[in-house]
Amino acid sequence: MELIPKAQKGDARVGWITYFAHRRGTVPPLPAPVRIEPVGSLGTLITLTPERFTASNPEHIALGLRVRELLDRAGLLRPPPS
């Protein structure tokens, strides 16, 4: 049984730490304890939790699903424009 659905081919994946180049779009506000940090003028680094993310922690799974939903709504998980 999979706890988090797999991304479709070409879609971005969300993990404990995820990077998005600016060309993919703007990262929306995300719930605490998620950290959003700029990477110079190149993109954005998202860290889901300050502690190590584990699939055995239901709070981590719920947070990962919520963040994935918000990023998908913002259009960041689809393949980048050509």
PDB file of N, CA and C in Angstrom:
ATOM      1  N   MET A   1       0.838  -1.172   0.000  1.00  0.00           N
ATOM      2  CA  MET A   1       0.000   0.000   0.000  1.00  0.00           C
ATOM      3  C   MET A   1       0.889   1.242   0.000  1.00  0.00           C
ATOM      4  N   GLU A   2       0.564   2.192  -0.872  1.00  0.00           N
ATOM      5  CA  GLU A   2       1.328   3.433  -0.931  1.00  0.00           C
ATOM      6  C   GLU A   2       0.672   4.483  -0.064  1.00  0.00           C
ATOM      7  N   LEU A   3       1.472   5.187   0.719  1.00  0.00           N
ATOM      8  CA  LEU A   3       0.944   6.220   1.599  1.00  0.00           C
ATOM      9  C   LEU A   3       0.700   7.520   0.857  1.00  0.00           C
ATOM     10  N   ILE A   4       1.554   7.833  -0.117  1.00  0.00           N
ATOM     11  CA  ILE A   4       1.422   9.043  -0.910  1.00  0.00           C
ATOM     12  C   ILE A   4       1.362   8.629  -2.381  1.00  0.00           C
ATOM     13  N   PRO A   5       0.338   9.097  -3.113  1.00  0.00           N
ATOM     14  CA  PRO A   5       0.224   8.706  -4.523  1.00  0.00           C
ATOM     15  C   PRO A   5       1.453   9.107  -5.323  1.00  0.00           C
ATOM     16  N   LYS A   6       1.800   8.264  -6.300  1.00  0.00           N
ATOM     17  CA  LYS A   6       2.941   8.565  -7.161  1.00  0.00           C
ATOM     18  C   LYS A   6       2.584   9.694  -8.112  1.00  0.00           C
ATOM     19  N   ALA A   7       3.598  10.445  -8.490  1.00  0.00           N
ATOM     20  CA  ALA A   7       3.416  11.519  -9.469  1.00  0.00           C
ATOM     21  C   ALA A   7       3.210  10.903 -10.845  1.00  0.00           C
ATOM     22  N   GLN A   8       2.496  11.597 -11.691  1.00  0.00           N
ATOM     23  CA  GLN A   8       2.334  11.175 -13.075  1.00  0.00           C
ATOM     24  C   GLN A   8       3.654  11.429 -13.807  1.00  0.00           C
ATOM     25  N   LYS A   9       3.848  10.753 -14.920  1.00  0.00           N
ATOM     26  CA  LYS A   9       5.081  10.936 -15.683  1.00  0.00           C
ATOM     27  C   LYS A   9       5.232  12.408 -16.064  1.00  0.00           C
ATOM     28  N   GLY A  10       6.395  12.972 -15.783  1.00  0.00           N
ATOM     29  CA  GLY A  10       6.681  14.367 -16.105  1.00  0.00           C
ATOM     30  C   GLY A  10       6.336  15.333 -14.983  1.00  0.00           C
ATOM     31  N   ASP A  11       5.539  14.884 -14.016  1.00  0.00           N
ATOM     32  CA  ASP A  11       5.175  15.743 -12.889  1.00  0.00           C
ATOM     33  C   ASP A  11       6.326  15.818 -11.897  1.00  0.00           C
ATOM     34  N   ALA A  12       6.398  16.933 -11.176  1.00  0.00           N
ATOM     35  CA  ALA A  12       7.395  17.079 -10.124  1.00  0.00           C
ATOM     36  C   ALA A  12       6.990  16.221  -8.932  1.00  0.00           C
ATOM     37  N   ARG A  13       7.956  15.763  -8.181  1.00  0.00           N
ATOM     38  CA  ARG A  13       7.695  14.991  -6.969  1.00  0.00           C
ATOM     39  C   ARG A  13       7.964  15.870  -5.760  1.00  0.00           C
ATOM     40  N   VAL A  14       7.201  15.647  -4.716  1.00  0.00           N
ATOM     41  CA  VAL A  14       7.383  16.390  -3.472  1.00  0.00           C
ATOM     42  C   VAL A  14       8.016  15.449  -2.464  1.00  0.00           C
ATOM     43  N   GLY A  15       9.104  15.896  -1.850  1.00  0.00           N
ATOM     44  CA  GLY A  15       9.779  15.098  -0.847  1.00  0.00           C
ATOM     45  C   GLY A  15      10.037  15.936   0.398  1.00  0.00           C
ATOM     46  N   TRP A  16      10.831  15.397   1.292  1.00  0.00           N
ATOM     47  CA  TRP A  16      11.178  16.115   2.523  1.00  0.00           C
ATOM     48  C   TRP A  16      11.754  17.481   2.162  1.00  0.00           C
ATOM     49  N   ILE A  17      12.641  17.486   1.156  1.00  0.00           N
ATOM     50  CA  ILE A  17      13.212  18.728   0.639  1.00  0.00           C
ATOM     51  C   ILE A  17      12.961  18.733  -0.868  1.00  0.00           C
ATOM     52  N   THR A  18      12.374  19.830  -1.364  1.00  0.00           N
ATOM     53  CA  THR A  18      12.018  19.928  -2.778  1.00  0.00           C
ATOM     54  C   THR A  18      12.469  21.277  -3.317  1.00  0.00           C
ATOM     55  N   TYR A  19      13.032  21.265  -4.526  1.00  0.00           N
ATOM     56  CA  TYR A  19      13.473  22.499  -5.182  1.00  0.00           C
ATOM     57  C   TYR A  19      12.591  22.761  -6.394  1.00  0.00           C
ATOM     58  N   PHE A  20      12.189  24.016  -6.557  1.00  0.00           N
ATOM     59  CA  PHE A  20      11.464  24.440  -7.757  1.00  0.00           C
ATOM     60  C   PHE A  20      12.190  25.620  -8.379  1.00  0.00           C
ATOM     61  N   ALA A  21      12.541  25.500  -9.667  1.00  0.00           N
ATOM     62  CA  ALA A  21      13.109  26.628 -10.400  1.00  0.00           C
ATOM     63  C   ALA A  21      12.005  27.667 -10.583  1.00  0.00           C
ATOM     64  N   HIS A  22      12.377  28.925 -10.641  1.00  0.00           N
ATOM     65  CA  HIS A  22      11.401  29.998 -10.818  1.00  0.00           C
ATOM     66  C   HIS A  22      10.575  29.823 -12.088  1.00  0.00           C
ATOM     67  N   ARG A  23      11.129  29.194 -13.118  1.00  0.00           N
ATOM     68  CA  ARG A  23      10.393  29.035 -14.372  1.00  0.00           C
ATOM     69  C   ARG A  23       9.152  28.154 -14.213  1.00  0.00           C
ATOM     70  N   ARG A  24       9.095  27.361 -13.134  1.00  0.00           N
ATOM     71  CA  ARG A  24       7.916  26.512 -12.899  1.00  0.00           C
ATOM     72  C   ARG A  24       6.751  27.315 -12.337  1.00  0.00           C
ATOM     73  N   GLY A  25       7.051  28.447 -11.691  1.00  0.00           N
ATOM     74  CA  GLY A  25       5.989  29.269 -11.115  1.00  0.00           C
ATOM     75  C   GLY A  25       6.347  29.718  -9.712  1.00  0.00           C
ATOM     76  N   THR A  26       5.379  30.357  -9.055  1.00  0.00           N
ATOM     77  CA  THR A  26       5.581  30.904  -7.714  1.00  0.00           C
ATOM     78  C   THR A  26       5.069  29.923  -6.667  1.00  0.00           C
ATOM     79  N   VAL A  27       5.876  29.675  -5.660  1.00  0.00           N
ATOM     80  CA  VAL A  27       5.475  28.792  -4.564  1.00  0.00           C
ATOM     81  C   VAL A  27       4.464  29.545  -3.697  1.00  0.00           C
ATOM     82  N   PRO A  28       3.294  28.932  -3.440  1.00  0.00           N
ATOM     83  CA  PRO A  28       2.284  29.590  -2.610  1.00  0.00           C
ATOM     84  C   PRO A  28       2.658  29.509  -1.128  1.00  0.00           C
ATOM     85  N   PRO A  29       1.970  30.263  -0.279  1.00  0.00           N
ATOM     86  CA  PRO A  29       2.184  30.102   1.166  1.00  0.00           C
ATOM     87  C   PRO A  29       1.861  28.656   1.560  1.00  0.00           C
ATOM     88  N   LEU A  30       2.667  28.094   2.427  1.00  0.00           N
ATOM     89  CA  LEU A  30       2.482  26.703   2.862  1.00  0.00           C
ATOM     90  C   LEU A  30       2.369  26.663   4.383  1.00  0.00           C
ATOM     91  N   PRO A  31       1.695  25.628   4.918  1.00  0.00           N
ATOM     92  CA  PRO A  31       1.464  25.565   6.366  1.00  0.00           C
ATOM     93  C   PRO A  31       2.740  25.294   7.162  1.00  0.00           C
ATOM     94  N   ALA A  32       2.734  25.762   8.409  1.00  0.00           N
ATOM     95  CA  ALA A  32       3.837  25.468   9.331  1.00  0.00           C
ATOM     96  C   ALA A  32       3.865  23.969   9.593  1.00  0.00           C
ATOM     97  N   PRO A  33       5.010  23.390   9.743  1.00  0.00           N
ATOM     98  CA  PRO A  33       6.343  23.952   9.928  1.00  0.00           C
ATOM     99  C   PRO A  33       7.145  24.063   8.632  1.00  0.00           C
ATOM    100  N   VAL A  34       6.483  24.047   7.473  1.00  0.00           N
ATOM    101  CA  VAL A  34       7.186  24.092   6.194  1.00  0.00           C
ATOM    102  C   VAL A  34       7.995  25.380   6.074  1.00  0.00           C
ATOM    103  N   ARG A  35       9.234  25.228   5.588  1.00  0.00           N
ATOM    104  CA  ARG A  35      10.102  26.393   5.352  1.00  0.00           C
ATOM    105  C   ARG A  35      10.241  26.594   3.851  1.00  0.00           C
ATOM    106  N   ILE A  36      10.111  27.845   3.417  1.00  0.00           N
ATOM    107  CA  ILE A  36      10.286  28.219   2.022  1.00  0.00           C
ATOM    108  C   ILE A  36      11.469  29.177   1.971  1.00  0.00           C
ATOM    109  N   GLU A  37      12.511  28.790   1.229  1.00  0.00           N
ATOM    110  CA  GLU A  37      13.723  29.602   1.180  1.00  0.00           C
ATOM    111  C   GLU A  37      14.126  29.878  -0.262  1.00  0.00           C
ATOM    112  N   PRO A  38      14.436  31.142  -0.585  1.00  0.00           N
ATOM    113  CA  PRO A  38      14.930  31.436  -1.930  1.00  0.00           C
ATOM    114  C   PRO A  38      16.323  30.850  -2.132  1.00  0.00           C
ATOM    115  N   VAL A  39      16.594  30.444  -3.356  1.00  0.00           N
ATOM    116  CA  VAL A  39      17.924  29.973  -3.733  1.00  0.00           C
ATOM    117  C   VAL A  39      18.448  30.990  -4.747  1.00  0.00           C
ATOM    118  N   GLY A  40      18.984  32.074  -4.214  1.00  0.00           N
ATOM    119  CA  GLY A  40      19.445  33.162  -5.071  1.00  0.00           C
ATOM    120  C   GLY A  40      18.322  33.636  -5.969  1.00  0.00           C
ATOM    121  N   SER A  41      18.637  33.858  -7.220  1.00  0.00           N
ATOM    122  CA  SER A  41      17.627  34.275  -8.189  1.00  0.00           C
ATOM    123  C   SER A  41      17.161  33.091  -9.029  1.00  0.00           C
ATOM    124  N   LEU A  42      17.532  31.864  -8.607  1.00  0.00           N
ATOM    125  CA  LEU A  42      17.261  30.670  -9.402  1.00  0.00           C
ATOM    126  C   LEU A  42      15.935  29.986  -9.097  1.00  0.00           C
ATOM    127  N   GLY A  43      15.574  29.904  -7.811  1.00  0.00           N
ATOM    128  CA  GLY A  43      14.389  29.150  -7.456  1.00  0.00           C
ATOM    129  C   GLY A  43      14.097  29.180  -5.979  1.00  0.00           C
ATOM    130  N   THR A  44      13.374  28.155  -5.540  1.00  0.00           N
ATOM    131  CA  THR A  44      12.912  28.081  -4.159  1.00  0.00           C
ATOM    132  C   THR A  44      13.119  26.679  -3.620  1.00  0.00           C
ATOM    133  N   LEU A  45      13.575  26.601  -2.374  1.00  0.00           N
ATOM    134  CA  LEU A  45      13.761  25.332  -1.680  1.00  0.00           C
ATOM    135  C   LEU A  45      12.673  25.213  -0.619  1.00  0.00           C
ATOM    136  N   ILE A  46      11.975  24.091  -0.627  1.00  0.00           N
ATOM    137  CA  ILE A  46      10.913  23.825   0.342  1.00  0.00           C
ATOM    138  C   ILE A  46      11.369  22.678   1.233  1.00  0.00           C
ATOM    139  N   THR A  47      11.321  22.880   2.547  1.00  0.00           N
ATOM    140  CA  THR A  47      11.643  21.833   3.518  1.00  0.00           C
ATOM    141  C   THR A  47      10.388  21.583   4.336  1.00  0.00           C
ATOM    142  N   LEU A  48       9.870  20.352   4.270  1.00  0.00           N
ATOM    143  CA  LEU A  48       8.602  20.047   4.929  1.00  0.00           C
ATOM    144  C   LEU A  48       8.669  20.117   6.446  1.00  0.00           C
ATOM    145  N   THR A  49       9.712  19.549   7.029  1.00  0.00           N
ATOM    146  CA  THR A  49       9.821  19.526   8.489  1.00  0.00           C
ATOM    147  C   THR A  49      11.268  19.773   8.892  1.00  0.00           C
ATOM    148  N   PRO A  50      11.490  20.404  10.049  1.00  0.00           N
ATOM    149  CA  PRO A  50      12.871  20.593  10.493  1.00  0.00           C
ATOM    150  C   PRO A  50      13.524  19.266  10.892  1.00  0.00           C
ATOM    151  N   GLU A  51      12.708  18.316  11.365  1.00  0.00           N
ATOM    152  CA  GLU A  51      13.264  16.998  11.695  1.00  0.00           C
ATOM    153  C   GLU A  51      13.144  16.091  10.475  1.00  0.00           C
ATOM    154  N   ARG A  52      13.821  14.981  10.506  1.00  0.00           N
ATOM    155  CA  ARG A  52      13.803  14.043   9.380  1.00  0.00           C
ATOM    156  C   ARG A  52      12.376  13.568   9.115  1.00  0.00           C
ATOM    157  N   PHE A  53      11.973  13.624   7.864  1.00  0.00           N
ATOM    158  CA  PHE A  53      10.652  13.173   7.441  1.00  0.00           C
ATOM    159  C   PHE A  53      10.621  11.655   7.458  1.00  0.00           C
ATOM    160  N   THR A  54       9.589  11.080   8.075  1.00  0.00           N
ATOM    161  CA  THR A  54       9.465   9.621   8.090  1.00  0.00           C
ATOM    162  C   THR A  54       8.060   9.204   7.692  1.00  0.00           C
ATOM    163  N   ALA A  55       7.964   8.155   6.907  1.00  0.00           N
ATOM    164  CA  ALA A  55       6.667   7.633   6.458  1.00  0.00           C
ATOM    165  C   ALA A  55       5.896   6.981   7.594  1.00  0.00           C
ATOM    166  N   SER A  56       6.549   6.690   8.701  1.00  0.00           N
ATOM    167  CA  SER A  56       5.857   6.078   9.832  1.00  0.00           C
ATOM    168  C   SER A  56       5.178   7.117  10.730  1.00  0.00           C
ATOM    169  N   ASN A  57       5.409   8.408  10.446  1.00  0.00           N
ATOM    170  CA  ASN A  57       4.802   9.472  11.236  1.00  0.00           C
ATOM    171  C   ASN A  57       3.565   9.991  10.493  1.00  0.00           C
ATOM    172  N   PRO A  58       2.347   9.723  11.006  1.00  0.00           N
ATOM    173  CA  PRO A  58       1.134  10.152  10.300  1.00  0.00           C
ATOM    174  C   PRO A  58       1.045  11.661  10.103  1.00  0.00           C
ATOM    175  N   GLU A  59       1.635  12.433  11.001  1.00  0.00           N
ATOM    176  CA  GLU A  59       1.629  13.894  10.828  1.00  0.00           C
ATOM    177  C   GLU A  59       2.485  14.298   9.630  1.00  0.00           C
ATOM    178  N   HIS A  60       3.590  13.611   9.419  1.00  0.00           N
ATOM    179  CA  HIS A  60       4.438  13.897   8.259  1.00  0.00           C
ATOM    180  C   HIS A  60       3.695  13.566   6.972  1.00  0.00           C
ATOM    181  N   ILE A  61       3.029  12.432   6.953  1.00  0.00           N
ATOM    182  CA  ILE A  61       2.278  12.022   5.754  1.00  0.00           C
ATOM    183  C   ILE A  61       1.180  13.032   5.453  1.00  0.00           C
ATOM    184  N   ALA A  62       0.431  13.437   6.464  1.00  0.00           N
ATOM    185  CA  ALA A  62      -0.649  14.412   6.278  1.00  0.00           C
ATOM    186  C   ALA A  62      -0.085  15.737   5.761  1.00  0.00           C
ATOM    187  N   LEU A  63       1.029  16.180   6.316  1.00  0.00           N
ATOM    188  CA  LEU A  63       1.654  17.423   5.879  1.00  0.00           C
ATOM    189  C   LEU A  63       2.112  17.302   4.423  1.00  0.00           C
ATOM    190  N   GLY A  64       2.747  16.190   4.088  1.00  0.00           N
ATOM    191  CA  GLY A  64       3.206  15.978   2.713  1.00  0.00           C
ATOM    192  C   GLY A  64       2.058  15.999   1.716  1.00  0.00           C
ATOM    193  N   LEU A  65       0.948  15.375   2.068  1.00  0.00           N
ATOM    194  CA  LEU A  65      -0.225  15.369   1.183  1.00  0.00           C
ATOM    195  C   LEU A  65      -0.815  16.766   1.032  1.00  0.00           C
ATOM    196  N   ARG A  66      -0.880  17.511   2.130  1.00  0.00           N
ATOM    197  CA  ARG A  66      -1.421  18.875   2.087  1.00  0.00           C
ATOM    198  C   ARG A  66      -0.540  19.785   1.230  1.00  0.00           C
ATOM    199  N   VAL A  67       0.757  19.701   1.413  1.00  0.00           N
ATOM    200  CA  VAL A  67       1.681  20.521   0.627  1.00  0.00           C
ATOM    201  C   VAL A  67       1.600  20.136  -0.846  1.00  0.00           C
ATOM    202  N   ARG A  68       1.524  18.856  -1.124  1.00  0.00           N
ATOM    203  CA  ARG A  68       1.407  18.391  -2.516  1.00  0.00           C
ATOM    204  C   ARG A  68       0.145  18.965  -3.155  1.00  0.00           C
ATOM    205  N   GLU A  69      -0.959  18.954  -2.414  1.00  0.00           N
ATOM    206  CA  GLU A  69      -2.220  19.500  -2.912  1.00  0.00           C
ATOM    207  C   GLU A  69      -2.081  21.000  -3.229  1.00  0.00           C
ATOM    208  N   LEU A  70      -1.468  21.751  -2.321  1.00  0.00           N
ATOM    209  CA  LEU A  70      -1.300  23.194  -2.523  1.00  0.00           C
ATOM    210  C   LEU A  70      -0.376  23.500  -3.705  1.00  0.00           C
ATOM    211  N   LEU A  71       0.687  22.736  -3.845  1.00  0.00           N
ATOM    212  CA  LEU A  71       1.614  22.935  -4.959  1.00  0.00           C
ATOM    213  C   LEU A  71       0.960  22.552  -6.285  1.00  0.00           C
ATOM    214  N   ASP A  72       0.133  21.517  -6.256  1.00  0.00           N
ATOM    215  CA  ASP A  72      -0.576  21.109  -7.467  1.00  0.00           C
ATOM    216  C   ASP A  72      -1.570  22.193  -7.886  1.00  0.00           C
ATOM    217  N   ARG A  73      -2.318  22.738  -6.924  1.00  0.00           N
ATOM    218  CA  ARG A  73      -3.258  23.831  -7.231  1.00  0.00           C
ATOM    219  C   ARG A  73      -2.551  25.039  -7.824  1.00  0.00           C
ATOM    220  N   ALA A  74      -1.318  25.275  -7.390  1.00  0.00           N
ATOM    221  CA  ALA A  74      -0.538  26.409  -7.898  1.00  0.00           C
ATOM    222  C   ALA A  74       0.089  26.101  -9.263  1.00  0.00           C
ATOM    223  N   GLY A  75      -0.094  24.877  -9.748  1.00  0.00           N
ATOM    224  CA  GLY A  75       0.423  24.498 -11.056  1.00  0.00           C
ATOM    225  C   GLY A  75       1.896  24.113 -11.079  1.00  0.00           C
ATOM    226  N   LEU A  76       2.494  23.910  -9.907  1.00  0.00           N
ATOM    227  CA  LEU A  76       3.927  23.633  -9.854  1.00  0.00           C
ATOM    228  C   LEU A  76       4.287  22.171 -10.104  1.00  0.00           C
ATOM    229  N   LEU A  77       3.335  21.273 -10.033  1.00  0.00           N
ATOM    230  CA  LEU A  77       3.670  19.858 -10.179  1.00  0.00           C
ATOM    231  C   LEU A  77       3.577  19.347 -11.610  1.00  0.00           C
ATOM    232  N   ARG A  78       2.966  20.129 -12.470  1.00  0.00           N
ATOM    233  CA  ARG A  78       2.858  19.744 -13.875  1.00  0.00           C
ATOM    234  C   ARG A  78       4.182  20.003 -14.591  1.00  0.00           C
ATOM    235  N   PRO A  79       4.384  19.346 -15.721  1.00  0.00           N
ATOM    236  CA  PRO A  79       5.635  19.590 -16.461  1.00  0.00           C
ATOM    237  C   PRO A  79       5.781  21.086 -16.772  1.00  0.00           C
ATOM    238  N   PRO A  80       7.021  21.596 -16.746  1.00  0.00           N
ATOM    239  CA  PRO A  80       7.234  23.015 -17.028  1.00  0.00           C
ATOM    240  C   PRO A  80       6.893  23.345 -18.476  1.00  0.00           C
ATOM    241  N   PRO A  81       6.525  24.600 -18.739  1.00  0.00           N
ATOM    242  CA  PRO A  81       6.259  24.985 -20.120  1.00  0.00           C
ATOM    243  C   PRO A  81       7.505  24.850 -20.982  1.00  0.00           C
ATOM    244  N   SER A  82       7.308  24.537 -22.234  1.00  0.00           N
ATOM    245  CA  SER A  82       8.454  24.347 -23.163  1.00  0.00           C
ATOM    246  C   SER A  82       9.115  25.654 -23.498  1.00  0.00           C
TER     247      SER A  82
END
